Amino acid sequence: MEARQQRGRILIGKLGLDGHDRGAKIIARSLCNDGFEVIYTGIRRTPEEIASAAIQEDVDAIGLSLLSGAHNELIAVLMNTLRQAKGGDIPVIIGGIIPQEDIPHLKDEGIYGVFTPGTPVQIVLDAFRKAVSEYRLKKHTPS
């Protein structure tokens, strides 16, 4: 039996003080089942911890679950920290309790995709596949 080629490395974590991680674990397991290597950082991570782990692990995308309501502030810090660490081009996909009116601001910050409760897992997987594909193409294309 031929081994399936790994789709990419994804960091999954919980940003902020919220400790509800069921959704993050479902996405992490689904990504693993789809052929991705997943690094799960656990709950209650700071933006700096997420950025540092993403750079150290040389990930192809970051997936974060946010339910605490502090998404605008935390994402701004995360994206700034990633840019300072030369990781600002790593696609970041977030999910959780995100009001529709906050989504344009998050996209302006550089978020690749935003998913709210009830989004089918297949849609989220498709977004990760696309993000990783685009990132790897850009990463391996000479400037």
C-alpha atoms as a PDB file:
ATOM      1  CA  MET A   1       0.000   0.000   0.000  1.00  0.00           C
ATOM      2  CA  GLU A   2       1.379   3.389  -1.012  1.00  0.00           C
ATOM      3  CA  ALA A   3       1.787   5.928   1.782  1.00  0.00           C
ATOM      4  CA  ARG A   4      -0.315   9.047   1.339  1.00  0.00           C
ATOM      5  CA  GLN A   5       1.756  12.204   0.913  1.00  0.00           C
ATOM      6  CA  GLN A   6       1.472  14.555   3.847  1.00  0.00           C
ATOM      7  CA  ARG A   7      -0.669  17.584   3.000  1.00  0.00           C
ATOM      8  CA  GLY A   8       1.190  19.977   5.303  1.00  0.00           C
ATOM      9  CA  ARG A   9       1.861  21.028   8.880  1.00  0.00           C
ATOM     10  CA  ILE A  10      -0.888  22.860  10.752  1.00  0.00           C
ATOM     11  CA  LEU A  11      -0.702  24.443  14.178  1.00  0.00           C
ATOM     12  CA  ILE A  12      -4.040  24.336  16.025  1.00  0.00           C
ATOM     13  CA  GLY A  13      -4.565  26.222  19.263  1.00  0.00           C
ATOM     14  CA  LYS A  14      -6.864  28.109  21.573  1.00  0.00           C
ATOM     15  CA  LEU A  15      -6.051  31.788  21.793  1.00  0.00           C
ATOM     16  CA  GLY A  16      -6.988  33.657  24.968  1.00  0.00           C
ATOM     17  CA  LEU A  17      -8.519  32.662  28.269  1.00  0.00           C
ATOM     18  CA  ASP A  18     -11.347  30.460  27.067  1.00  0.00           C
ATOM     19  CA  GLY A  19     -10.917  26.784  27.924  1.00  0.00           C
ATOM     20  CA  HIS A  20     -13.549  25.215  25.664  1.00  0.00           C
ATOM     21  CA  ASP A  21     -11.549  23.186  23.168  1.00  0.00           C
ATOM     22  CA  ARG A  22     -13.981  20.653  21.729  1.00  0.00           C
ATOM     23  CA  GLY A  23     -14.216  22.445  18.370  1.00  0.00           C
ATOM     24  CA  ALA A  24     -10.437  22.834  18.101  1.00  0.00           C
ATOM     25  CA  LYS A  25      -9.985  19.129  18.814  1.00  0.00           C
ATOM     26  CA  ILE A  26     -12.606  18.155  16.225  1.00  0.00           C
ATOM     27  CA  ILE A  27     -10.826  20.256  13.587  1.00  0.00           C
ATOM     28  CA  ALA A  28      -7.422  18.888  14.642  1.00  0.00           C
ATOM     29  CA  ARG A  29      -8.644  15.286  14.337  1.00  0.00           C
ATOM     30  CA  SER A  30     -10.323  16.014  11.004  1.00  0.00           C
ATOM     31  CA  LEU A  31      -7.118  17.560   9.652  1.00  0.00           C
ATOM     32  CA  CYS A  32      -5.123  14.505  10.813  1.00  0.00           C
ATOM     33  CA  ASN A  33      -7.617  12.193   9.138  1.00  0.00           C
ATOM     34  CA  ASP A  34      -7.233  14.253   5.963  1.00  0.00           C
ATOM     35  CA  GLY A  35      -3.451  13.732   5.881  1.00  0.00           C
ATOM     36  CA  PHE A  36      -2.178  16.846   7.629  1.00  0.00           C
ATOM     37  CA  GLU A  37       0.382  16.781  10.411  1.00  0.00           C
ATOM     38  CA  VAL A  38      -1.162  18.690  13.319  1.00  0.00           C
ATOM     39  CA  ILE A  39       0.618  20.373  16.199  1.00  0.00           C
ATOM     40  CA  TYR A  40      -1.935  21.082  18.935  1.00  0.00           C
ATOM     41  CA  THR A  41      -0.798  23.737  21.401  1.00  0.00           C
ATOM     42  CA  GLY A  42      -3.678  23.350  23.827  1.00  0.00           C
ATOM     43  CA  ILE A  43      -5.773  25.943  25.604  1.00  0.00           C
ATOM     44  CA  ARG A  44      -5.134  29.425  26.972  1.00  0.00           C
ATOM     45  CA  ARG A  45      -2.257  30.399  24.678  1.00  0.00           C
ATOM     46  CA  THR A  46      -1.038  33.943  24.152  1.00  0.00           C
ATOM     47  CA  PRO A  47      -0.555  35.434  20.694  1.00  0.00           C
ATOM     48  CA  GLU A  48       3.194  35.381  21.310  1.00  0.00           C
ATOM     49  CA  GLU A  49       3.140  31.664  22.185  1.00  0.00           C
ATOM     50  CA  ILE A  50       1.161  30.839  19.046  1.00  0.00           C
ATOM     51  CA  ALA A  51       3.472  32.900  16.811  1.00  0.00           C
ATOM     52  CA  SER A  52       6.604  31.412  18.376  1.00  0.00           C
ATOM     53  CA  ALA A  53       5.330  27.840  18.038  1.00  0.00           C
ATOM     54  CA  ALA A  54       4.284  28.433  14.415  1.00  0.00           C
ATOM     55  CA  ILE A  55       7.742  29.738  13.501  1.00  0.00           C
ATOM     56  CA  GLN A  56       9.589  27.009  15.425  1.00  0.00           C
ATOM     57  CA  GLU A  57       7.457  24.234  13.930  1.00  0.00           C
ATOM     58  CA  ASP A  58       7.717  25.681  10.390  1.00  0.00           C
ATOM     59  CA  VAL A  59       3.978  25.289   9.846  1.00  0.00           C
ATOM     60  CA  ASP A  60       2.089  25.826   6.607  1.00  0.00           C
ATOM     61  CA  ALA A  61      -0.978  27.312   8.329  1.00  0.00           C
ATOM     62  CA  ILE A  62      -2.368  28.212  11.739  1.00  0.00           C
ATOM     63  CA  GLY A  63      -5.872  27.339  12.919  1.00  0.00           C
ATOM     64  CA  LEU A  64      -7.266  29.011  16.017  1.00  0.00           C
ATOM     65  CA  SER A  65     -10.458  28.677  17.997  1.00  0.00           C
ATOM     66  CA  LEU A  66     -11.734  31.792  19.766  1.00  0.00           C
ATOM     67  CA  LEU A  67     -14.808  31.878  21.955  1.00  0.00           C
ATOM     68  CA  SER A  68     -13.894  34.497  24.551  1.00  0.00           C
ATOM     69  CA  GLY A  69     -14.961  37.628  22.656  1.00  0.00           C
ATOM     70  CA  ALA A  70     -11.404  39.029  22.640  1.00  0.00           C
ATOM     71  CA  HIS A  71     -10.745  38.010  19.030  1.00  0.00           C
ATOM     72  CA  ASN A  72     -10.156  41.523  17.643  1.00  0.00           C
ATOM     73  CA  GLU A  73      -7.497  42.369  20.218  1.00  0.00           C
ATOM     74  CA  LEU A  74      -5.824  38.948  20.247  1.00  0.00           C
ATOM     75  CA  ILE A  75      -5.682  38.631  16.455  1.00  0.00           C
ATOM     76  CA  ALA A  76      -4.148  42.110  16.084  1.00  0.00           C
ATOM     77  CA  VAL A  77      -1.352  41.138  18.491  1.00  0.00           C
ATOM     78  CA  LEU A  78      -0.874  37.719  16.859  1.00  0.00           C
ATOM     79  CA  MET A  79      -0.615  39.105  13.331  1.00  0.00           C
ATOM     80  CA  ASN A  80       1.799  41.843  14.426  1.00  0.00           C
ATOM     81  CA  THR A  81       3.935  39.285  16.271  1.00  0.00           C
ATOM     82  CA  LEU A  82       3.965  36.987  13.232  1.00  0.00           C
ATOM     83  CA  ARG A  83       5.007  39.859  10.947  1.00  0.00           C
ATOM     84  CA  GLN A  84       7.827  40.852  13.311  1.00  0.00           C
ATOM     85  CA  ALA A  85       9.043  37.232  13.361  1.00  0.00           C
ATOM     86  CA  LYS A  86       9.011  37.052   9.523  1.00  0.00           C
ATOM     87  CA  GLY A  87       5.982  34.740   9.625  1.00  0.00           C
ATOM     88  CA  GLY A  88       3.353  37.220   8.492  1.00  0.00           C
ATOM     89  CA  ASP A  89       2.708  35.233   5.325  1.00  0.00           C
ATOM     90  CA  ILE A  90       1.631  32.091   7.221  1.00  0.00           C
ATOM     91  CA  PRO A  91      -2.114  31.749   6.598  1.00  0.00           C
ATOM     92  CA  VAL A  92      -4.234  32.023   9.748  1.00  0.00           C
ATOM     93  CA  ILE A  93      -7.707  30.515   9.829  1.00  0.00           C
ATOM     94  CA  ILE A  94      -9.957  31.155  12.809  1.00  0.00           C
ATOM     95  CA  GLY A  95     -13.213  29.766  14.025  1.00  0.00           C
ATOM     96  CA  GLY A  96     -15.559  30.280  16.913  1.00  0.00           C
ATOM     97  CA  ILE A  97     -18.034  32.797  18.200  1.00  0.00           C
ATOM     98  CA  ILE A  98     -17.201  35.654  15.861  1.00  0.00           C
ATOM     99  CA  PRO A  99     -19.869  38.286  15.162  1.00  0.00           C
ATOM    100  CA  GLN A 100     -20.439  38.848  11.429  1.00  0.00           C
ATOM    101  CA  GLU A 101     -19.657  42.546  11.804  1.00  0.00           C
ATOM    102  CA  ASP A 102     -16.127  41.703  13.072  1.00  0.00           C
ATOM    103  CA  ILE A 103     -15.186  39.505  10.104  1.00  0.00           C
ATOM    104  CA  PRO A 104     -14.176  42.339   7.705  1.00  0.00           C
ATOM    105  CA  HIS A 105     -11.854  43.797  10.359  1.00  0.00           C
ATOM    106  CA  LEU A 106     -10.263  40.382  10.963  1.00  0.00           C
ATOM    107  CA  LYS A 107      -9.710  39.897   7.233  1.00  0.00           C
ATOM    108  CA  ASP A 108      -8.141  43.367   7.094  1.00  0.00           C
ATOM    109  CA  GLU A 109      -5.742  42.199   9.815  1.00  0.00           C
ATOM    110  CA  GLY A 110      -4.648  39.413   7.460  1.00  0.00           C
ATOM    111  CA  ILE A 111      -6.813  36.487   8.550  1.00  0.00           C
ATOM    112  CA  TYR A 112      -7.165  33.992   5.688  1.00  0.00           C
ATOM    113  CA  GLY A 113     -10.545  32.592   6.710  1.00  0.00           C
ATOM    114  CA  VAL A 114     -13.163  32.966   9.437  1.00  0.00           C
ATOM    115  CA  PHE A 115     -15.645  30.219  10.301  1.00  0.00           C
ATOM    116  CA  THR A 116     -18.559  30.461  12.671  1.00  0.00           C
ATOM    117  CA  PRO A 117     -20.557  27.738  14.450  1.00  0.00           C
ATOM    118  CA  GLY A 118     -22.393  25.382  12.143  1.00  0.00           C
ATOM    119  CA  THR A 119     -19.838  25.529   9.314  1.00  0.00           C
ATOM    120  CA  PRO A 120     -19.479  22.015   7.887  1.00  0.00           C
ATOM    121  CA  VAL A 121     -16.095  20.469   8.679  1.00  0.00           C
ATOM    122  CA  GLN A 122     -15.549  19.759   4.973  1.00  0.00           C
ATOM    123  CA  ILE A 123     -15.673  23.505   4.240  1.00  0.00           C
ATOM    124  CA  VAL A 124     -13.012  24.122   6.901  1.00  0.00           C
ATOM    125  CA  LEU A 125     -10.829  21.308   5.513  1.00  0.00           C
ATOM    126  CA  ASP A 126     -11.148  22.762   2.015  1.00  0.00           C
ATOM    127  CA  ALA A 127      -9.987  26.145   3.339  1.00  0.00           C
ATOM    128  CA  PHE A 128      -6.924  24.592   4.982  1.00  0.00           C
ATOM    129  CA  ARG A 129      -6.073  22.662   1.799  1.00  0.00           C
ATOM    130  CA  LYS A 130      -6.300  25.837  -0.286  1.00  0.00           C
ATOM    131  CA  ALA A 131      -4.362  27.959   2.232  1.00  0.00           C
ATOM    132  CA  VAL A 132      -1.539  25.422   2.505  1.00  0.00           C
ATOM    133  CA  SER A 133      -1.349  24.951  -1.252  1.00  0.00           C
ATOM    134  CA  GLU A 134      -1.109  28.704  -1.854  1.00  0.00           C
ATOM    135  CA  TYR A 135       1.408  29.168   0.972  1.00  0.00           C
ATOM    136  CA  ARG A 136       3.672  26.347  -0.229  1.00  0.00           C
ATOM    137  CA  LEU A 137       3.556  27.640  -3.799  1.00  0.00           C
ATOM    138  CA  LYS A 138       4.512  31.144  -2.638  1.00  0.00           C
ATOM    139  CA  LYS A 139       7.161  29.800  -0.247  1.00  0.00           C
ATOM    140  CA  HIS A 140       8.877  27.767  -2.980  1.00  0.00           C
ATOM    141  CA  THR A 141       8.580  30.284  -5.808  1.00  0.00           C
ATOM    142  CA  PRO A 142      11.672  32.450  -6.275  1.00  0.00           C
ATOM    143  CA  SER A 143      11.005  36.161  -5.812  1.00  0.00           C
END
